Amino acid sequence: MTRVYRPWLLHLFESRGWKVGPELARGIEDGERWLTETLEHLLGLTFEQQRRGPLEIFQEAMRFPTAVLADLGVETVERDAAAVTAIPGDVFDLAPASSAALGEDVWRAHLAWGAAKAAAMRHR
């Protein structure tokens, strides 16, 4: 998931006509660093100790570029009620709704993690 963070954001920004200046580049780097550290920590825990999933952490990592966009005065994006309820702080609609949006490799890895967690929890 960490390898798709930057490309995901750069694609979104380009599609919306948002230029990536130094401030936004730092926000992406900060989010990427936090995502890497947090996922490494999560995956170092037993399944029983894991309270969040990789996609949820990926979505939370959007707070770094979100803060920069807000500081730059970028206008927020209109979202549907379900998206607002699911991820209230994602005012620029940066977070993917599913791991499938991040590509087949990420989706398959997320499914494998979920299946392994379900199997481990079933046997406890």
Protein backbone atom coordinates (compact mmCIF):
# COMPACT_ATOMS: atom_id res chain seq x y z
CA MET A 1 0.00 0.00 0.00
CA THR A 2 2.82 2.39 0.71
CA ARG A 3 4.11 2.25 -2.86
CA VAL A 4 0.79 3.46 -4.26
CA TYR A 5 0.28 6.36 -1.84
CA ARG A 6 2.21 8.99 -3.78
CA PRO A 7 1.00 7.90 -7.25
CA TRP A 8 -2.60 7.82 -5.99
CA LEU A 9 -2.36 11.38 -4.72
CA LEU A 10 -0.44 12.73 -7.71
CA HIS A 11 -3.04 11.29 -10.05
CA LEU A 12 -5.88 12.86 -8.04
CA PHE A 13 -4.17 16.24 -7.89
CA GLU A 14 -3.43 16.22 -11.60
CA SER A 15 -7.00 15.22 -12.48
CA ARG A 16 -8.28 18.14 -10.40
CA GLY A 17 -5.77 20.66 -11.71
CA TRP A 18 -4.05 21.08 -8.33
CA LYS A 19 -0.36 21.90 -8.65
CA VAL A 20 2.06 20.13 -6.33
CA GLY A 21 4.27 22.84 -4.91
CA PRO A 22 6.80 22.44 -2.09
CA GLU A 23 4.18 22.57 0.69
CA LEU A 24 2.02 19.87 -0.83
CA ALA A 25 5.07 17.76 -1.67
CA ARG A 26 6.03 17.90 2.03
CA GLY A 27 2.49 16.91 3.01
CA ILE A 28 2.70 13.90 0.72
CA GLU A 29 6.12 12.95 2.14
CA ASP A 30 4.84 13.29 5.71
CA GLY A 31 1.82 11.13 4.91
CA GLU A 32 3.96 8.55 3.16
CA ARG A 33 6.35 8.37 6.11
CA TRP A 34 3.50 8.07 8.63
CA LEU A 35 1.77 5.43 6.51
CA THR A 36 4.93 3.33 6.26
CA GLU A 37 5.63 3.50 10.00
CA THR A 38 2.02 2.84 10.97
CA LEU A 39 1.56 -0.10 8.60
CA GLU A 40 4.84 -1.63 9.76
CA HIS A 41 3.65 -1.31 13.35
CA LEU A 42 0.22 -2.78 12.52
CA LEU A 43 1.68 -5.76 10.69
CA GLY A 44 4.07 -6.39 13.59
CA LEU A 45 1.11 -6.98 15.90
CA THR A 46 -0.77 -10.22 16.25
CA PHE A 47 -4.07 -10.28 14.39
CA GLU A 48 -5.84 -10.19 17.74
CA GLN A 49 -4.09 -6.90 18.58
CA GLN A 50 -4.87 -5.26 15.24
CA ARG A 51 -7.77 -2.86 15.77
CA ARG A 52 -7.67 -1.31 12.30
CA GLY A 53 -7.04 -2.56 8.82
CA PRO A 54 -4.54 -1.42 6.19
CA LEU A 55 -7.14 0.45 4.13
CA GLU A 56 -8.31 2.38 7.17
CA ILE A 57 -4.72 3.43 7.85
CA PHE A 58 -4.21 4.37 4.19
CA GLN A 59 -7.33 6.51 4.37
CA GLU A 60 -6.12 8.19 7.57
CA ALA A 61 -2.81 9.04 5.90
CA MET A 62 -4.76 11.44 3.69
CA ARG A 63 -4.89 13.85 6.65
CA PHE A 64 -1.40 15.10 5.81
CA PRO A 65 -2.11 16.40 2.30
CA THR A 66 -5.60 17.41 3.47
CA ALA A 67 -4.08 19.76 6.06
CA VAL A 68 -1.84 21.33 3.43
CA LEU A 69 -4.69 21.78 0.96
CA ALA A 70 -6.75 23.46 3.69
CA ASP A 71 -3.83 25.74 4.61
CA LEU A 72 -3.45 26.69 0.93
CA GLY A 73 -7.12 27.65 0.79
CA VAL A 74 -8.13 25.01 -1.74
CA GLU A 75 -11.91 24.70 -1.97
CA THR A 76 -13.29 21.51 -0.44
CA VAL A 77 -14.96 18.90 -2.64
CA GLU A 78 -18.65 18.09 -2.48
CA ARG A 79 -19.16 14.48 -1.34
CA ASP A 80 -22.20 12.29 -0.93
CA ALA A 81 -23.65 11.62 2.52
CA ALA A 82 -22.24 8.08 2.70
CA ALA A 83 -18.69 9.32 2.06
CA VAL A 84 -19.06 12.05 4.66
CA THR A 85 -20.29 9.52 7.22
CA ALA A 86 -17.59 6.96 6.40
CA ILE A 87 -14.63 9.38 6.37
CA PRO A 88 -15.77 12.73 7.79
CA GLY A 89 -12.38 14.46 7.69
CA ASP A 90 -11.75 13.68 4.02
CA VAL A 91 -13.03 17.07 2.86
CA PHE A 92 -11.03 16.93 -0.38
CA ASP A 93 -12.19 13.39 -1.23
CA LEU A 94 -8.68 11.97 -1.32
CA ALA A 95 -9.26 8.62 0.43
CA PRO A 96 -10.17 5.62 -1.71
CA ALA A 97 -13.41 3.89 -0.75
CA SER A 98 -11.87 0.46 -1.25
CA SER A 99 -8.50 -1.15 -1.80
CA ALA A 100 -9.65 -2.13 -5.31
CA ALA A 101 -9.38 1.55 -6.30
CA LEU A 102 -5.64 1.32 -5.60
CA GLY A 103 -5.05 -1.45 -8.13
CA GLU A 104 -5.34 -5.20 -8.33
CA ASP A 105 -2.09 -5.92 -6.47
CA VAL A 106 -3.15 -3.82 -3.50
CA TRP A 107 -6.64 -5.30 -3.58
CA ARG A 108 -5.25 -8.86 -3.58
CA ALA A 109 -2.85 -8.06 -0.72
CA HIS A 110 -5.71 -6.54 1.27
CA LEU A 111 -7.86 -9.63 0.65
CA ALA A 112 -4.99 -11.92 1.69
CA TRP A 113 -4.51 -9.93 4.90
CA GLY A 114 -8.26 -10.12 5.65
CA ALA A 115 -8.42 -13.85 4.98
CA ALA A 116 -5.36 -14.51 7.14
CA LYS A 117 -6.82 -12.43 9.96
CA ALA A 118 -10.18 -14.18 9.73
CA ALA A 119 -8.50 -17.59 9.80
CA ALA A 120 -6.32 -16.65 12.76
CA MET A 121 -9.26 -15.25 14.71
CA ARG A 122 -11.39 -18.31 13.93
CA HIS A 123 -8.75 -20.58 15.48
CA ARG A 124 -8.26 -18.68 18.71
